[in-house]
Amino acid sequence: MRKEYDFSNAKRAKDVPHLAKLQSENTKGKTRITTYLDNDVVEWLKARGEAENKGYQTVLNELLRKQLVPEKPIAEVLRQVIREELKNAA
């Protein structure tokens, strides 16, 4: 590795097409990350994505989003189950 580098001819990211595209993607509310997943998990995500005509990363994002905000609070689900059981017991 050099002690000093000459950046006098360097271009800004916005002036390099593929870097500009990456920067514009960040303004859409998404962040590029690198992560390691087990092979079987990736295979499952890809299979599910193919079945739904989506990319595996989209499937992963949707699954994670559901965990952030459950569709129904657990108390509401419990109430519904209890009501159904009471109705069936009568």
C-alpha atoms as a PDB file:
ATOM      1  CA  MET A   1       0.000   0.000   0.000  1.00  0.00           C
ATOM      2  CA  ARG A   2       1.294   3.423  -0.896  1.00  0.00           C
ATOM      3  CA  LYS A   3       1.947   6.059   1.720  1.00  0.00           C
ATOM      4  CA  GLU A   4       0.200   8.680  -0.413  1.00  0.00           C
ATOM      5  CA  TYR A   5      -2.275   8.571  -3.263  1.00  0.00           C
ATOM      6  CA  ASP A   6      -2.940  11.161  -5.931  1.00  0.00           C
ATOM      7  CA  PHE A   7      -6.650  11.946  -6.167  1.00  0.00           C
ATOM      8  CA  SER A   8      -6.235  15.024  -8.346  1.00  0.00           C
ATOM      9  CA  ASN A   9      -7.862  13.275 -11.348  1.00  0.00           C
ATOM     10  CA  ALA A  10     -10.519  11.444  -9.331  1.00  0.00           C
ATOM     11  CA  LYS A  11     -14.175  11.807 -10.241  1.00  0.00           C
ATOM     12  CA  ARG A  12     -17.038  12.343  -7.834  1.00  0.00           C
ATOM     13  CA  ALA A  13     -19.391   9.377  -7.381  1.00  0.00           C
ATOM     14  CA  LYS A  14     -22.224  11.358  -8.998  1.00  0.00           C
ATOM     15  CA  ASP A  15     -20.112  11.598 -12.200  1.00  0.00           C
ATOM     16  CA  VAL A  16     -19.551   7.823 -12.479  1.00  0.00           C
ATOM     17  CA  PRO A  17     -22.756   6.185 -13.795  1.00  0.00           C
ATOM     18  CA  HIS A  18     -22.754   2.972 -11.730  1.00  0.00           C
ATOM     19  CA  LEU A  19     -21.804   4.828  -8.542  1.00  0.00           C
ATOM     20  CA  ALA A  20     -24.424   7.495  -9.185  1.00  0.00           C
ATOM     21  CA  LYS A  21     -27.004   4.725  -9.538  1.00  0.00           C
ATOM     22  CA  LEU A  22     -25.984   3.244  -6.182  1.00  0.00           C
ATOM     23  CA  GLN A  23     -26.283   6.631  -4.530  1.00  0.00           C
ATOM     24  CA  SER A  24     -29.708   7.267  -6.027  1.00  0.00           C
ATOM     25  CA  GLU A  25     -30.897   3.868  -4.750  1.00  0.00           C
ATOM     26  CA  ASN A  26     -30.065   4.983  -1.211  1.00  0.00           C
ATOM     27  CA  THR A  27     -32.448   7.898  -1.529  1.00  0.00           C
ATOM     28  CA  LYS A  28     -35.337   5.461  -2.016  1.00  0.00           C
ATOM     29  CA  GLY A  29     -35.273   4.437   1.639  1.00  0.00           C
ATOM     30  CA  LYS A  30     -33.147   1.334   1.237  1.00  0.00           C
ATOM     31  CA  THR A  31     -29.634   0.537   2.357  1.00  0.00           C
ATOM     32  CA  ARG A  32     -27.253  -1.855   0.650  1.00  0.00           C
ATOM     33  CA  ILE A  33     -25.793  -4.380   3.111  1.00  0.00           C
ATOM     34  CA  THR A  34     -23.657  -7.482   2.979  1.00  0.00           C
ATOM     35  CA  THR A  35     -24.653 -10.428   5.128  1.00  0.00           C
ATOM     36  CA  TYR A  36     -24.073 -14.156   5.338  1.00  0.00           C
ATOM     37  CA  LEU A  37     -27.017 -16.560   5.324  1.00  0.00           C
ATOM     38  CA  ASP A  38     -27.061 -20.339   5.465  1.00  0.00           C
ATOM     39  CA  ASN A  39     -27.229 -21.956   2.028  1.00  0.00           C
ATOM     40  CA  ASP A  40     -30.521 -23.707   2.762  1.00  0.00           C
ATOM     41  CA  VAL A  41     -32.079 -20.396   3.826  1.00  0.00           C
ATOM     42  CA  VAL A  42     -31.015 -18.727   0.578  1.00  0.00           C
ATOM     43  CA  GLU A  43     -32.321 -21.684  -1.437  1.00  0.00           C
ATOM     44  CA  TRP A  44     -35.680 -21.436   0.351  1.00  0.00           C
ATOM     45  CA  LEU A  45     -35.850 -17.667  -0.229  1.00  0.00           C
ATOM     46  CA  LYS A  46     -35.054 -18.113  -3.917  1.00  0.00           C
ATOM     47  CA  ALA A  47     -37.651 -20.873  -4.324  1.00  0.00           C
ATOM     48  CA  ARG A  48     -40.303 -18.768  -2.610  1.00  0.00           C
ATOM     49  CA  GLY A  49     -39.314 -15.732  -4.657  1.00  0.00           C
ATOM     50  CA  GLU A  50     -39.556 -17.715  -7.873  1.00  0.00           C
ATOM     51  CA  ALA A  51     -43.013 -18.994  -6.882  1.00  0.00           C
ATOM     52  CA  GLU A  52     -44.154 -15.411  -6.187  1.00  0.00           C
ATOM     53  CA  ASN A  53     -42.311 -13.845  -9.154  1.00  0.00           C
ATOM     54  CA  LYS A  54     -40.126 -11.824  -6.805  1.00  0.00           C
ATOM     55  CA  GLY A  55     -36.444 -11.653  -6.054  1.00  0.00           C
ATOM     56  CA  TYR A  56     -35.187 -13.502  -2.999  1.00  0.00           C
ATOM     57  CA  GLN A  57     -34.039 -10.234  -1.422  1.00  0.00           C
ATOM     58  CA  THR A  58     -37.552  -8.822  -1.765  1.00  0.00           C
ATOM     59  CA  VAL A  59     -38.945 -11.925  -0.059  1.00  0.00           C
ATOM     60  CA  LEU A  60     -36.426 -11.554   2.759  1.00  0.00           C
ATOM     61  CA  ASN A  61     -37.272  -7.863   3.181  1.00  0.00           C
ATOM     62  CA  GLU A  62     -41.013  -8.642   3.333  1.00  0.00           C
ATOM     63  CA  LEU A  63     -40.485 -11.353   5.960  1.00  0.00           C
ATOM     64  CA  LEU A  64     -38.353  -9.042   8.082  1.00  0.00           C
ATOM     65  CA  ARG A  65     -40.883  -6.217   7.743  1.00  0.00           C
ATOM     66  CA  LYS A  66     -43.658  -8.503   9.024  1.00  0.00           C
ATOM     67  CA  GLN A  67     -41.585  -9.120  12.133  1.00  0.00           C
ATOM     68  CA  LEU A  68     -41.279  -5.382  12.750  1.00  0.00           C
ATOM     69  CA  VAL A  69     -45.025  -4.823  12.771  1.00  0.00           C
ATOM     70  CA  PRO A  70     -47.068  -7.973  13.339  1.00  0.00           C
ATOM     71  CA  GLU A  71     -50.337  -8.056  11.423  1.00  0.00           C
ATOM     72  CA  LYS A  72     -52.348  -8.345  14.664  1.00  0.00           C
ATOM     73  CA  PRO A  73     -51.220  -7.807  18.233  1.00  0.00           C
ATOM     74  CA  ILE A  74     -50.970 -11.086  20.144  1.00  0.00           C
ATOM     75  CA  ALA A  75     -53.692  -9.973  22.590  1.00  0.00           C
ATOM     76  CA  GLU A  76     -56.128  -9.531  19.718  1.00  0.00           C
ATOM     77  CA  VAL A  77     -55.312 -12.974  18.321  1.00  0.00           C
ATOM     78  CA  LEU A  78     -55.801 -14.547  21.758  1.00  0.00           C
ATOM     79  CA  ARG A  79     -59.167 -12.834  22.197  1.00  0.00           C
ATOM     80  CA  GLN A  80     -60.313 -14.117  18.820  1.00  0.00           C
ATOM     81  CA  VAL A  81     -59.246 -17.687  19.613  1.00  0.00           C
ATOM     82  CA  ILE A  82     -60.952 -17.599  23.029  1.00  0.00           C
ATOM     83  CA  ARG A  83     -64.182 -16.269  21.481  1.00  0.00           C
ATOM     84  CA  GLU A  84     -64.171 -19.012  18.858  1.00  0.00           C
ATOM     85  CA  GLU A  85     -63.524 -21.697  21.466  1.00  0.00           C
ATOM     86  CA  LEU A  86     -66.280 -20.386  23.750  1.00  0.00           C
ATOM     87  CA  LYS A  87     -68.674 -20.271  20.806  1.00  0.00           C
ATOM     88  CA  ASN A  88     -67.834 -23.869  19.856  1.00  0.00           C
ATOM     89  CA  ALA A  89     -68.175 -25.070  23.468  1.00  0.00           C
ATOM     90  CA  ALA A  90     -71.720 -23.701  23.824  1.00  0.00           C
END
